[in-house]
């Protein structure tokens, strides 16, 4: 057994140096003075690095702007409008064609679904297009992206969307847009506050 152990050690020494606890190169601190972990190989505290974790193109922001979100917003609005409009058209078609049977009723149901779905998809798509356009313009003009842009874009969208229906309905459209935007801003602010509170509480009870 002793001969086999010696032969194994000699074989390992041929492919690389042998390390022992007495080797000075193995005496690397695992924790810094701030109790944060160090790399056992580089002996560098990763928390001391202030460089960004990713490289951004020149002039680009750290998050996507309204223009990047506009395409997804418009497309999803069209799909949602088509879905809800199709369901509403199907319900209305069932109510209106109770006295019909066979192919005639089936054709009428398809017409109701297609007509109502297309109308709702068109309406929501136009609203999303207006909102995205106003939002992009306000972000570019004010050179910032905050809740004020959301409120302004939603209010302007409601006013413009109902501008052909008279002053009263135009004002109602603007008020509805402002109310929906305010509710959305309050909801997102609450989500951010809860995320910050959870992060602080988790950091407080985390042991290193």
N, C-alpha and C. Protein backbone atom coordinates (compact mmCIF):
# COMPACT_ATOMS: atom_id res chain seq x y z
N UNK A 1 0.83 -1.21 0.00
CA UNK A 1 0.00 0.00 0.00
C UNK A 1 0.86 1.25 0.00
N UNK A 2 1.95 1.22 0.78
CA UNK A 2 2.82 2.39 0.84
C UNK A 2 3.49 2.64 -0.50
N UNK A 3 3.86 1.54 -1.18
CA UNK A 3 4.48 1.71 -2.49
C UNK A 3 3.48 2.29 -3.49
N UNK A 4 2.22 1.82 -3.40
CA UNK A 4 1.21 2.35 -4.31
C UNK A 4 0.96 3.83 -4.06
N UNK A 5 0.97 4.25 -2.76
CA UNK A 5 0.78 5.66 -2.45
C UNK A 5 1.93 6.50 -2.96
N UNK A 6 3.15 6.01 -2.82
CA UNK A 6 4.31 6.76 -3.32
C UNK A 6 4.28 6.88 -4.84
N UNK A 7 3.88 5.79 -5.50
CA UNK A 7 3.81 5.84 -6.96
C UNK A 7 2.73 6.80 -7.43
N UNK A 8 1.60 6.87 -6.69
CA UNK A 8 0.54 7.81 -7.06
C UNK A 8 0.99 9.25 -6.89
N UNK A 9 1.71 9.54 -5.79
CA UNK A 9 2.22 10.89 -5.58
C UNK A 9 3.21 11.28 -6.66
N UNK A 10 4.08 10.35 -7.02
CA UNK A 10 5.06 10.66 -8.06
C UNK A 10 4.38 10.88 -9.41
N UNK A 11 3.30 10.12 -9.66
CA UNK A 11 2.57 10.30 -10.91
C UNK A 11 1.88 11.66 -10.96
N UNK A 12 1.28 12.09 -9.84
CA UNK A 12 0.62 13.40 -9.80
C UNK A 12 1.61 14.54 -9.91
N UNK A 13 2.81 14.35 -9.33
CA UNK A 13 3.81 15.41 -9.39
C UNK A 13 4.33 15.62 -10.80
N UNK A 14 4.17 14.63 -11.67
CA UNK A 14 4.62 14.78 -13.04
C UNK A 14 3.72 15.73 -13.82
N UNK A 15 2.43 15.82 -13.45
CA UNK A 15 1.48 16.64 -14.19
C UNK A 15 1.23 18.00 -13.54
N UNK A 16 1.70 18.24 -12.38
CA UNK A 16 1.49 19.53 -11.75
C UNK A 16 2.10 19.56 -10.38
N UNK A 17 2.30 20.76 -9.82
CA UNK A 17 2.89 20.87 -8.49
C UNK A 17 1.91 20.40 -7.42
N UNK A 18 2.45 19.93 -6.35
CA UNK A 18 1.63 19.48 -5.23
C UNK A 18 1.47 20.62 -4.23
N UNK A 19 0.25 20.81 -3.75
CA UNK A 19 -0.06 21.88 -2.81
C UNK A 19 -0.35 21.28 -1.45
N UNK A 20 0.17 21.93 -0.45
CA UNK A 20 -0.05 21.52 0.94
C UNK A 20 -0.53 22.72 1.73
N UNK A 21 -1.13 22.50 2.91
CA UNK A 21 -1.57 23.65 3.72
C UNK A 21 -0.44 24.57 4.12
N UNK A 22 0.81 24.06 4.13
CA UNK A 22 1.94 24.91 4.50
C UNK A 22 2.42 25.78 3.35
N UNK A 23 1.87 25.58 2.14
CA UNK A 23 2.31 26.35 0.99
C UNK A 23 1.86 27.80 1.15
N UNK A 24 2.77 28.80 1.05
CA UNK A 24 2.37 30.22 1.21
C UNK A 24 1.33 30.67 0.19
N UNK A 25 1.35 30.09 -1.01
CA UNK A 25 0.39 30.51 -2.03
C UNK A 25 -1.03 30.13 -1.69
N UNK A 26 -1.21 29.19 -0.75
CA UNK A 26 -2.56 28.79 -0.35
C UNK A 26 -3.09 29.61 0.80
N UNK A 27 -2.28 30.48 1.36
CA UNK A 27 -2.69 31.29 2.50
C UNK A 27 -3.39 32.56 1.99
N UNK A 28 -4.62 32.39 1.51
CA UNK A 28 -5.40 33.49 0.95
C UNK A 28 -6.61 33.72 1.84
N UNK A 29 -6.83 34.97 2.21
CA UNK A 29 -7.96 35.28 3.08
C UNK A 29 -9.26 35.07 2.33
N UNK A 30 -10.26 34.54 3.03
CA UNK A 30 -11.56 34.26 2.43
C UNK A 30 -12.53 35.41 2.69
N UNK A 31 -12.33 36.18 3.73
CA UNK A 31 -13.22 37.28 4.07
C UNK A 31 -12.41 38.55 4.24
N UNK A 32 -13.00 39.65 3.79
CA UNK A 32 -12.35 40.94 3.98
C UNK A 32 -12.76 41.51 5.32
N UNK A 33 -12.26 42.72 5.59
CA UNK A 33 -12.58 43.34 6.88
C UNK A 33 -14.06 43.67 6.99
N UNK A 34 -14.74 43.86 5.84
CA UNK A 34 -16.16 44.16 5.87
C UNK A 34 -17.03 42.93 5.86
N UNK A 35 -16.48 41.77 6.10
CA UNK A 35 -17.20 40.51 6.16
C UNK A 35 -17.80 40.11 4.82
N UNK A 36 -17.31 40.67 3.71
CA UNK A 36 -17.78 40.27 2.40
C UNK A 36 -16.81 39.25 1.81
N UNK A 37 -17.33 38.34 1.02
CA UNK A 37 -16.52 37.24 0.52
C UNK A 37 -15.50 37.73 -0.49
N UNK A 38 -14.32 37.12 -0.43
CA UNK A 38 -13.26 37.40 -1.38
C UNK A 38 -13.06 36.19 -2.28
N UNK A 39 -12.52 36.45 -3.44
CA UNK A 39 -12.20 35.35 -4.32
C UNK A 39 -10.99 34.61 -3.77
N UNK A 40 -11.06 33.29 -3.57
CA UNK A 40 -9.91 32.56 -3.01
C UNK A 40 -8.74 32.48 -3.98
N UNK A 41 -8.94 32.86 -5.24
CA UNK A 41 -7.87 32.78 -6.22
C UNK A 41 -7.28 34.16 -6.53
N UNK A 42 -8.11 35.17 -6.64
CA UNK A 42 -7.63 36.49 -6.99
C UNK A 42 -7.48 37.40 -5.78
N UNK A 43 -8.08 37.05 -4.67
CA UNK A 43 -8.04 37.86 -3.46
C UNK A 43 -8.51 39.28 -3.73
N UNK A 44 -9.61 39.39 -4.47
CA UNK A 44 -10.19 40.69 -4.83
C UNK A 44 -11.62 40.72 -4.33
N UNK A 45 -11.95 41.77 -3.63
CA UNK A 45 -13.30 41.94 -3.12
C UNK A 45 -14.21 42.36 -4.26
N UNK A 46 -15.20 41.53 -4.68
CA UNK A 46 -16.05 41.92 -5.82
C UNK A 46 -16.93 43.12 -5.53
N UNK A 47 -17.18 43.42 -4.25
CA UNK A 47 -18.04 44.55 -3.92
C UNK A 47 -17.32 45.89 -4.07
N UNK A 48 -16.00 45.86 -4.24
CA UNK A 48 -15.25 47.09 -4.42
C UNK A 48 -15.31 47.60 -5.85
N UNK A 49 -15.77 46.75 -6.77
CA UNK A 49 -15.83 47.14 -8.17
C UNK A 49 -17.05 48.02 -8.41
N UNK A 50 -16.82 49.19 -8.99
CA UNK A 50 -17.91 50.12 -9.28
C UNK A 50 -18.24 50.18 -10.77
N UNK A 51 -17.66 49.29 -11.56
CA UNK A 51 -17.91 49.30 -12.99
C UNK A 51 -19.29 48.72 -13.28
N UNK A 52 -19.96 49.16 -14.35
CA UNK A 52 -21.28 48.60 -14.69
C UNK A 52 -21.17 47.14 -15.09
N UNK A 53 -22.25 46.41 -14.88
CA UNK A 53 -22.26 44.99 -15.19
C UNK A 53 -22.47 44.72 -16.67
N UNK A 54 -22.80 45.73 -17.45
CA UNK A 54 -23.00 45.56 -18.88
C UNK A 54 -22.55 46.82 -19.59
N UNK A 55 -22.25 46.69 -20.86
CA UNK A 55 -21.76 47.80 -21.66
C UNK A 55 -22.90 48.34 -22.50
N UNK A 56 -23.12 49.65 -22.43
CA UNK A 56 -24.20 50.29 -23.17
C UNK A 56 -23.63 51.06 -24.35
N UNK A 57 -24.35 51.09 -25.47
CA UNK A 57 -23.91 51.94 -26.59
C UNK A 57 -23.90 53.40 -26.19
N UNK A 58 -23.11 54.18 -26.88
CA UNK A 58 -23.00 55.59 -26.55
C UNK A 58 -24.34 56.30 -26.74
N UNK A 59 -24.79 57.00 -25.72
CA UNK A 59 -26.05 57.72 -25.77
C UNK A 59 -27.26 56.89 -25.41
N UNK A 60 -27.09 55.60 -25.14
CA UNK A 60 -28.23 54.74 -24.80
C UNK A 60 -28.50 54.79 -23.31
N UNK A 61 -29.76 54.61 -22.93
CA UNK A 61 -30.14 54.60 -21.52
C UNK A 61 -30.01 53.20 -20.94
N UNK A 62 -30.17 53.14 -19.62
CA UNK A 62 -30.06 51.86 -18.93
C UNK A 62 -31.34 51.03 -19.04
N UNK A 63 -32.40 51.61 -19.54
CA UNK A 63 -33.63 50.87 -19.72
C UNK A 63 -34.30 51.30 -21.02
N UNK A 64 -35.18 50.45 -21.50
CA UNK A 64 -35.85 50.75 -22.76
C UNK A 64 -36.79 51.94 -22.59
N UNK A 65 -36.84 52.77 -23.62
CA UNK A 65 -37.69 53.95 -23.57
C UNK A 65 -39.08 53.66 -24.10
N UNK A 66 -39.86 54.72 -24.22
CA UNK A 66 -41.24 54.57 -24.67
C UNK A 66 -41.32 54.12 -26.13
N UNK A 67 -40.36 54.53 -26.93
CA UNK A 67 -40.40 54.13 -28.34
C UNK A 67 -40.24 52.63 -28.49
N UNK A 68 -39.37 52.02 -27.68
CA UNK A 68 -39.20 50.57 -27.74
C UNK A 68 -40.44 49.84 -27.25
N UNK A 69 -41.11 50.40 -26.24
CA UNK A 69 -42.32 49.77 -25.71
C UNK A 69 -43.54 50.02 -26.59
N UNK A 70 -43.47 51.00 -27.49
CA UNK A 70 -44.65 51.39 -28.27
C UNK A 70 -45.14 50.24 -29.15
N UNK A 71 -44.22 49.53 -29.78
CA UNK A 71 -44.62 48.47 -30.70
C UNK A 71 -45.36 47.35 -29.97
N UNK A 72 -44.83 46.94 -28.84
CA UNK A 72 -45.51 45.91 -28.06
C UNK A 72 -46.85 46.38 -27.52
N UNK A 73 -46.91 47.65 -27.12
CA UNK A 73 -48.16 48.20 -26.60
C UNK A 73 -49.25 48.22 -27.66
N UNK A 74 -48.90 48.67 -28.86
CA UNK A 74 -49.89 48.74 -29.94
C UNK A 74 -50.34 47.34 -30.35
N UNK A 75 -49.39 46.43 -30.52
CA UNK A 75 -49.75 45.08 -30.93
C UNK A 75 -50.61 44.35 -29.91
N UNK A 76 -50.23 44.46 -28.64
CA UNK A 76 -51.01 43.79 -27.59
C UNK A 76 -52.40 44.41 -27.46
N UNK A 77 -52.51 45.73 -27.67
CA UNK A 77 -53.82 46.37 -27.60
C UNK A 77 -54.73 45.88 -28.72
N UNK A 78 -54.19 45.71 -29.91
CA UNK A 78 -54.98 45.19 -31.02
C UNK A 78 -55.46 43.77 -30.73
N UNK A 79 -54.58 42.94 -30.19
CA UNK A 79 -54.96 41.56 -29.88
C UNK A 79 -56.01 41.50 -28.77
N UNK A 80 -55.82 42.31 -27.73
CA UNK A 80 -56.80 42.33 -26.64
C UNK A 80 -58.15 42.83 -27.13
N UNK A 81 -58.13 43.88 -27.95
CA UNK A 81 -59.39 44.39 -28.50
C UNK A 81 -60.09 43.36 -29.37
N UNK A 82 -59.32 42.64 -30.18
CA UNK A 82 -59.93 41.62 -31.03
C UNK A 82 -60.52 40.49 -30.19
N UNK A 83 -59.82 40.11 -29.12
CA UNK A 83 -60.33 39.03 -28.27
C UNK A 83 -61.61 39.40 -27.56
N UNK A 84 -61.60 40.55 -26.86
CA UNK A 84 -62.80 40.97 -26.14
C UNK A 84 -63.94 41.31 -27.10
N UNK A 85 -63.60 41.93 -28.23
CA UNK A 85 -64.63 42.23 -29.21
C UNK A 85 -65.25 40.98 -29.80
N UNK A 86 -64.42 39.97 -30.05
CA UNK A 86 -64.97 38.71 -30.56
C UNK A 86 -65.89 38.04 -29.57
N UNK A 87 -65.52 38.07 -28.29
CA UNK A 87 -66.40 37.48 -27.27
C UNK A 87 -67.72 38.24 -27.17
N UNK A 88 -67.63 39.58 -27.19
CA UNK A 88 -68.85 40.39 -27.14
C UNK A 88 -69.71 40.16 -28.38
N UNK A 89 -69.07 40.04 -29.55
CA UNK A 89 -69.83 39.77 -30.77
C UNK A 89 -70.50 38.41 -30.75
N UNK A 90 -69.81 37.41 -30.19
CA UNK A 90 -70.41 36.08 -30.09
C UNK A 90 -71.62 36.10 -29.17
N UNK A 91 -71.50 36.78 -28.05
CA UNK A 91 -72.63 36.86 -27.12
C UNK A 91 -73.82 37.57 -27.76
N UNK A 92 -73.53 38.67 -28.44
CA UNK A 92 -74.61 39.40 -29.10
C UNK A 92 -75.23 38.59 -30.22
N UNK A 93 -74.38 37.87 -30.96
CA UNK A 93 -74.90 37.05 -32.05
C UNK A 93 -75.80 35.94 -31.56
N UNK A 94 -75.43 35.33 -30.43
CA UNK A 94 -76.28 34.27 -29.87
C UNK A 94 -77.64 34.83 -29.47
N UNK A 95 -77.64 36.05 -28.91
CA UNK A 95 -78.90 36.66 -28.51
C UNK A 95 -79.76 37.05 -29.71
N UNK A 96 -79.12 37.50 -30.79
CA UNK A 96 -79.87 38.01 -31.94
C UNK A 96 -80.32 36.91 -32.89
N UNK A 97 -79.71 35.75 -32.83
CA UNK A 97 -80.03 34.69 -33.81
C UNK A 97 -80.68 33.48 -33.14
N UNK A 98 -81.44 33.71 -32.11
CA UNK A 98 -82.08 32.58 -31.43
C UNK A 98 -83.12 31.89 -32.29
N UNK A 99 -83.74 32.60 -33.20
CA UNK A 99 -84.76 31.98 -34.05
C UNK A 99 -84.22 31.32 -35.30
N UNK A 100 -82.90 31.34 -35.50
CA UNK A 100 -82.30 30.77 -36.70
C UNK A 100 -81.60 29.46 -36.35
N UNK A 101 -81.43 28.61 -37.35
CA UNK A 101 -80.78 27.32 -37.14
C UNK A 101 -79.86 27.02 -38.32
N UNK A 102 -78.98 26.06 -38.10
CA UNK A 102 -78.15 25.55 -39.19
C UNK A 102 -77.10 26.53 -39.68
N UNK A 103 -76.85 26.46 -40.98
CA UNK A 103 -75.80 27.26 -41.59
C UNK A 103 -76.09 28.76 -41.52
N UNK A 104 -77.36 29.10 -41.56
CA UNK A 104 -77.71 30.52 -41.52
C UNK A 104 -77.27 31.13 -40.19
N UNK A 105 -77.56 30.45 -39.10
CA UNK A 105 -77.17 30.97 -37.79
C UNK A 105 -75.65 30.98 -37.63
N UNK A 106 -75.00 29.94 -38.12
CA UNK A 106 -73.54 29.89 -38.01
C UNK A 106 -72.89 31.03 -38.78
N UNK A 107 -73.42 31.33 -39.95
CA UNK A 107 -72.88 32.44 -40.74
C UNK A 107 -73.10 33.77 -40.03
N UNK A 108 -74.27 33.94 -39.44
CA UNK A 108 -74.56 35.18 -38.72
C UNK A 108 -73.65 35.33 -37.50
N UNK A 109 -73.38 34.24 -36.80
CA UNK A 109 -72.49 34.30 -35.64
C UNK A 109 -71.08 34.70 -36.05
N UNK A 110 -70.61 34.13 -37.16
CA UNK A 110 -69.27 34.49 -37.65
C UNK A 110 -69.22 35.97 -38.02
N UNK A 111 -70.28 36.47 -38.63
CA UNK A 111 -70.32 37.89 -39.00
C UNK A 111 -70.29 38.78 -37.76
N UNK A 112 -71.05 38.42 -36.74
CA UNK A 112 -71.05 39.21 -35.51
C UNK A 112 -69.67 39.22 -34.85
N UNK A 113 -69.05 38.05 -34.78
CA UNK A 113 -67.73 37.95 -34.14
C UNK A 113 -66.70 38.76 -34.93
N UNK A 114 -66.69 38.61 -36.25
CA UNK A 114 -65.70 39.31 -37.07
C UNK A 114 -65.90 40.82 -37.02
N UNK A 115 -67.15 41.25 -37.11
CA UNK A 115 -67.42 42.69 -37.12
C UNK A 115 -67.08 43.35 -35.79
N UNK A 116 -67.55 42.75 -34.69
CA UNK A 116 -67.29 43.34 -33.38
C UNK A 116 -65.82 43.24 -33.00
N UNK A 117 -65.19 42.12 -33.35
CA UNK A 117 -63.76 41.96 -33.05
C UNK A 117 -62.90 42.96 -33.80
N UNK A 118 -63.19 43.17 -35.08
CA UNK A 118 -62.42 44.14 -35.86
C UNK A 118 -62.63 45.56 -35.36
N UNK A 119 -63.87 45.88 -35.00
CA UNK A 119 -64.15 47.24 -34.51
C UNK A 119 -63.43 47.52 -33.20
N UNK A 120 -63.47 46.57 -32.27
CA UNK A 120 -62.80 46.76 -30.98
C UNK A 120 -61.28 46.79 -31.14
N UNK A 121 -60.75 45.93 -32.00
CA UNK A 121 -59.30 45.92 -32.23
C UNK A 121 -58.84 47.23 -32.84
N UNK A 122 -59.63 47.77 -33.77
CA UNK A 122 -59.29 49.04 -34.39
C UNK A 122 -59.31 50.18 -33.37
N UNK A 123 -60.33 50.19 -32.51
CA UNK A 123 -60.45 51.26 -31.51
C UNK A 123 -59.29 51.23 -30.52
N UNK A 124 -59.01 50.06 -29.96
CA UNK A 124 -57.91 49.97 -28.98
C UNK A 124 -56.56 50.20 -29.64
N UNK A 125 -56.41 49.76 -30.88
CA UNK A 125 -55.15 50.02 -31.58
C UNK A 125 -54.91 51.50 -31.81
N UNK A 126 -55.96 52.23 -32.17
CA UNK A 126 -55.83 53.68 -32.36
C UNK A 126 -55.50 54.37 -31.05
N UNK A 127 -56.16 53.96 -29.96
CA UNK A 127 -55.87 54.55 -28.65
C UNK A 127 -54.42 54.30 -28.25
N UNK A 128 -53.95 53.06 -28.45
CA UNK A 128 -52.56 52.74 -28.11
C UNK A 128 -51.58 53.52 -28.97
N UNK A 129 -51.92 53.70 -30.25
CA UNK A 129 -51.04 54.47 -31.14
C UNK A 129 -50.96 55.93 -30.71
N UNK A 130 -52.10 56.51 -30.36
CA UNK A 130 -52.10 57.90 -29.88
C UNK A 130 -51.31 58.03 -28.59
N UNK A 131 -51.56 57.13 -27.65
CA UNK A 131 -50.87 57.20 -26.37
C UNK A 131 -49.36 57.05 -26.54
N UNK A 132 -48.94 56.11 -27.36
CA UNK A 132 -47.51 55.91 -27.58
C UNK A 132 -46.89 57.11 -28.27
N UNK A 133 -47.61 57.69 -29.23
CA UNK A 133 -47.08 58.87 -29.91
C UNK A 133 -46.91 60.06 -28.98
N UNK A 134 -47.94 60.33 -28.17
CA UNK A 134 -47.83 61.43 -27.21
C UNK A 134 -46.73 61.15 -26.17
N UNK A 135 -46.64 59.90 -25.73
CA UNK A 135 -45.62 59.56 -24.74
C UNK A 135 -44.21 59.74 -25.29
N UNK A 136 -43.98 59.30 -26.52
CA UNK A 136 -42.66 59.47 -27.13
C UNK A 136 -42.33 60.94 -27.32
N UNK A 137 -43.32 61.73 -27.74
CA UNK A 137 -43.07 63.16 -27.94
C UNK A 137 -42.73 63.85 -26.62
N UNK A 138 -43.50 63.55 -25.57
CA UNK A 138 -43.23 64.18 -24.28
C UNK A 138 -41.88 63.75 -23.72
N UNK A 139 -41.52 62.49 -23.89
CA UNK A 139 -40.21 62.03 -23.41
C UNK A 139 -39.08 62.73 -24.15
N UNK A 140 -39.26 62.92 -25.46
CA UNK A 140 -38.23 63.61 -26.24
C UNK A 140 -38.18 65.09 -25.89
N UNK A 141 -39.34 65.72 -25.74
CA UNK A 141 -39.38 67.15 -25.49
C UNK A 141 -38.87 67.49 -24.09
N UNK A 142 -39.23 66.71 -23.09
CA UNK A 142 -38.81 66.97 -21.71
C UNK A 142 -37.49 66.31 -21.36
N UNK A 143 -37.00 65.45 -22.24
CA UNK A 143 -35.73 64.75 -22.04
C UNK A 143 -35.73 63.95 -20.74
N UNK A 144 -36.86 63.38 -20.41
CA UNK A 144 -36.98 62.51 -19.23
C UNK A 144 -38.21 61.65 -19.40
N UNK A 145 -38.26 60.57 -18.65
CA UNK A 145 -39.40 59.65 -18.72
C UNK A 145 -39.89 59.39 -17.30
N UNK A 146 -41.01 60.01 -16.94
CA UNK A 146 -41.54 59.88 -15.60
C UNK A 146 -43.06 59.79 -15.65
N UNK A 147 -43.67 59.87 -14.47
CA UNK A 147 -45.13 59.75 -14.40
C UNK A 147 -45.85 60.93 -15.05
N UNK A 148 -45.19 62.09 -15.10
CA UNK A 148 -45.82 63.25 -15.73
C UNK A 148 -46.06 62.99 -17.22
N UNK A 149 -45.15 62.29 -17.87
CA UNK A 149 -45.36 61.94 -19.27
C UNK A 149 -46.53 60.98 -19.43
N UNK A 150 -46.65 60.04 -18.52
CA UNK A 150 -47.76 59.09 -18.58
C UNK A 150 -49.10 59.81 -18.42
N UNK A 151 -49.19 60.71 -17.44
CA UNK A 151 -50.43 61.45 -17.22
C UNK A 151 -50.76 62.35 -18.41
N UNK A 152 -49.75 63.05 -18.92
CA UNK A 152 -49.99 63.94 -20.05
C UNK A 152 -50.39 63.19 -21.30
N UNK A 153 -49.71 62.07 -21.58
CA UNK A 153 -50.03 61.29 -22.78
C UNK A 153 -51.42 60.69 -22.70
N UNK A 154 -51.80 60.17 -21.54
CA UNK A 154 -53.13 59.57 -21.40
C UNK A 154 -54.23 60.62 -21.51
N UNK A 155 -54.02 61.78 -20.90
CA UNK A 155 -55.02 62.84 -20.98
C UNK A 155 -55.18 63.35 -22.41
N UNK A 156 -54.06 63.57 -23.10
CA UNK A 156 -54.13 64.03 -24.49
C UNK A 156 -54.77 62.97 -25.38
N UNK A 157 -54.52 61.70 -25.10
CA UNK A 157 -55.14 60.64 -25.89
C UNK A 157 -56.65 60.64 -25.74
N UNK A 158 -57.13 60.77 -24.49
CA UNK A 158 -58.57 60.82 -24.28
C UNK A 158 -59.22 62.02 -24.94
N UNK A 159 -58.56 63.17 -24.87
CA UNK A 159 -59.11 64.37 -25.51
C UNK A 159 -59.17 64.23 -27.02
N UNK A 160 -58.10 63.71 -27.62
CA UNK A 160 -58.07 63.59 -29.07
C UNK A 160 -59.01 62.50 -29.57
N UNK A 161 -59.11 61.40 -28.83
CA UNK A 161 -59.94 60.29 -29.28
C UNK A 161 -61.42 60.68 -29.32
N UNK A 162 -61.84 61.53 -28.40
CA UNK A 162 -63.24 61.96 -28.34
C UNK A 162 -63.43 63.39 -28.84
N UNK A 163 -62.46 63.90 -29.58
CA UNK A 163 -62.54 65.30 -30.02
C UNK A 163 -63.64 65.54 -31.04
N UNK A 164 -64.03 64.51 -31.78
CA UNK A 164 -65.08 64.68 -32.80
C UNK A 164 -66.48 64.48 -32.24
N UNK A 165 -66.61 64.17 -30.96
CA UNK A 165 -67.93 63.90 -30.37
C UNK A 165 -68.47 65.08 -29.58
N UNK A 166 -67.82 66.23 -29.65
CA UNK A 166 -68.29 67.39 -28.91
C UNK A 166 -67.40 67.69 -27.72
N UNK A 167 -67.55 68.92 -27.20
CA UNK A 167 -66.69 69.35 -26.10
C UNK A 167 -66.93 68.54 -24.83
N UNK A 168 -68.19 68.22 -24.56
CA UNK A 168 -68.50 67.50 -23.33
C UNK A 168 -67.87 66.11 -23.33
N UNK A 169 -68.06 65.37 -24.41
CA UNK A 169 -67.47 64.03 -24.48
C UNK A 169 -65.95 64.10 -24.58
N UNK A 170 -65.46 65.15 -25.20
CA UNK A 170 -64.01 65.33 -25.26
C UNK A 170 -63.43 65.51 -23.86
N UNK A 171 -64.10 66.32 -23.04
CA UNK A 171 -63.65 66.51 -21.66
C UNK A 171 -63.76 65.22 -20.86
N UNK A 172 -64.84 64.46 -21.10
CA UNK A 172 -64.99 63.18 -20.41
C UNK A 172 -63.88 62.21 -20.81
N UNK A 173 -63.54 62.19 -22.10
CA UNK A 173 -62.45 61.33 -22.55
C UNK A 173 -61.12 61.70 -21.91
N UNK A 174 -60.85 63.00 -21.81
CA UNK A 174 -59.62 63.43 -21.15
C UNK A 174 -59.59 63.06 -19.68
N UNK A 175 -60.75 63.21 -19.01
CA UNK A 175 -60.82 62.85 -17.59
C UNK A 175 -60.63 61.35 -17.39
N UNK A 176 -61.22 60.55 -18.28
CA UNK A 176 -61.05 59.09 -18.18
C UNK A 176 -59.59 58.71 -18.39
N UNK A 177 -58.96 59.32 -19.39
CA UNK A 177 -57.54 59.03 -19.63
C UNK A 177 -56.67 59.42 -18.45
N UNK A 178 -56.94 60.59 -17.88
CA UNK A 178 -56.17 61.03 -16.71
C UNK A 178 -56.39 60.10 -15.52
N UNK A 179 -57.63 59.68 -15.31
CA UNK A 179 -57.92 58.78 -14.19
C UNK A 179 -57.24 57.43 -14.33
N UNK A 180 -57.29 56.86 -15.53
CA UNK A 180 -56.62 55.57 -15.74
C UNK A 180 -55.11 55.69 -15.57
N UNK A 181 -54.54 56.78 -16.08
CA UNK A 181 -53.10 56.98 -15.94
C UNK A 181 -52.71 57.18 -14.48
N UNK A 182 -53.53 57.94 -13.74
CA UNK A 182 -53.23 58.15 -12.32
C UNK A 182 -53.29 56.84 -11.54
N UNK A 183 -54.30 56.01 -11.85
CA UNK A 183 -54.39 54.71 -11.18
C UNK A 183 -53.18 53.83 -11.51
N UNK A 184 -52.76 53.87 -12.76
CA UNK A 184 -51.58 53.08 -13.16
C UNK A 184 -50.32 53.58 -12.46
N UNK A 185 -50.15 54.89 -12.37
CA UNK A 185 -48.97 55.45 -11.70
C UNK A 185 -48.96 55.08 -10.22
N UNK A 186 -50.11 55.15 -9.57
CA UNK A 186 -50.18 54.77 -8.16
C UNK A 186 -49.88 53.29 -7.97
N UNK A 187 -50.36 52.47 -8.88
CA UNK A 187 -50.10 51.02 -8.77
C UNK A 187 -48.62 50.71 -8.95
N UNK A 188 -47.98 51.31 -9.96
CA UNK A 188 -46.56 51.06 -10.18
C UNK A 188 -45.72 51.60 -9.03
N UNK A 189 -46.12 52.75 -8.46
CA UNK A 189 -45.38 53.29 -7.32
C UNK A 189 -45.50 52.36 -6.12
N UNK A 190 -46.69 51.80 -5.90
CA UNK A 190 -46.85 50.84 -4.81
C UNK A 190 -46.02 49.60 -5.01
N UNK A 191 -45.92 49.13 -6.27
CA UNK A 191 -45.09 47.96 -6.55
C UNK A 191 -43.62 48.24 -6.26
N UNK A 192 -43.15 49.43 -6.64
CA UNK A 192 -41.75 49.79 -6.39
C UNK A 192 -41.48 49.90 -4.89
N UNK A 193 -42.42 50.52 -4.16
CA UNK A 193 -42.23 50.66 -2.72
C UNK A 193 -42.19 49.30 -2.03
N UNK A 194 -43.05 48.38 -2.47
CA UNK A 194 -43.03 47.04 -1.87
C UNK A 194 -41.74 46.30 -2.20
N UNK A 195 -41.24 46.48 -3.42
CA UNK A 195 -39.99 45.82 -3.80
C UNK A 195 -38.82 46.35 -2.97
N UNK A 196 -38.79 47.68 -2.76
CA UNK A 196 -37.73 48.27 -1.95
C UNK A 196 -37.83 47.79 -0.51
N UNK A 197 -39.05 47.74 0.03
CA UNK A 197 -39.23 47.29 1.41
C UNK A 197 -38.80 45.83 1.57
N UNK A 198 -39.14 44.99 0.60
CA UNK A 198 -38.73 43.58 0.68
C UNK A 198 -37.22 43.44 0.59
N UNK A 199 -36.60 44.26 -0.26
CA UNK A 199 -35.14 44.19 -0.39
C UNK A 199 -34.46 44.62 0.90
N UNK A 200 -34.97 45.69 1.51
CA UNK A 200 -34.36 46.18 2.75
C UNK A 200 -34.54 45.16 3.87
N UNK A 201 -35.73 44.57 3.97
CA UNK A 201 -35.96 43.59 5.03
C UNK A 201 -35.12 42.34 4.82
N UNK A 202 -34.97 41.90 3.58
CA UNK A 202 -34.14 40.72 3.31
C UNK A 202 -32.67 41.01 3.59
N UNK A 203 -32.21 42.22 3.24
CA UNK A 203 -30.82 42.57 3.50
C UNK A 203 -30.54 42.69 4.99
N UNK A 204 -31.53 43.10 5.75
CA UNK A 204 -31.32 43.28 7.19
C UNK A 204 -31.11 41.95 7.89
N UNK A 205 -31.80 40.91 7.43
CA UNK A 205 -31.72 39.62 8.11
C UNK A 205 -30.79 38.64 7.40
N UNK A 206 -30.07 39.11 6.38
CA UNK A 206 -29.13 38.23 5.68
C UNK A 206 -27.84 38.17 6.46
N UNK A 207 -27.35 36.98 6.69
CA UNK A 207 -26.08 36.78 7.40
C UNK A 207 -25.00 36.44 6.40
N UNK A 208 -23.83 36.97 6.64
CA UNK A 208 -22.69 36.72 5.76
C UNK A 208 -21.72 35.77 6.45
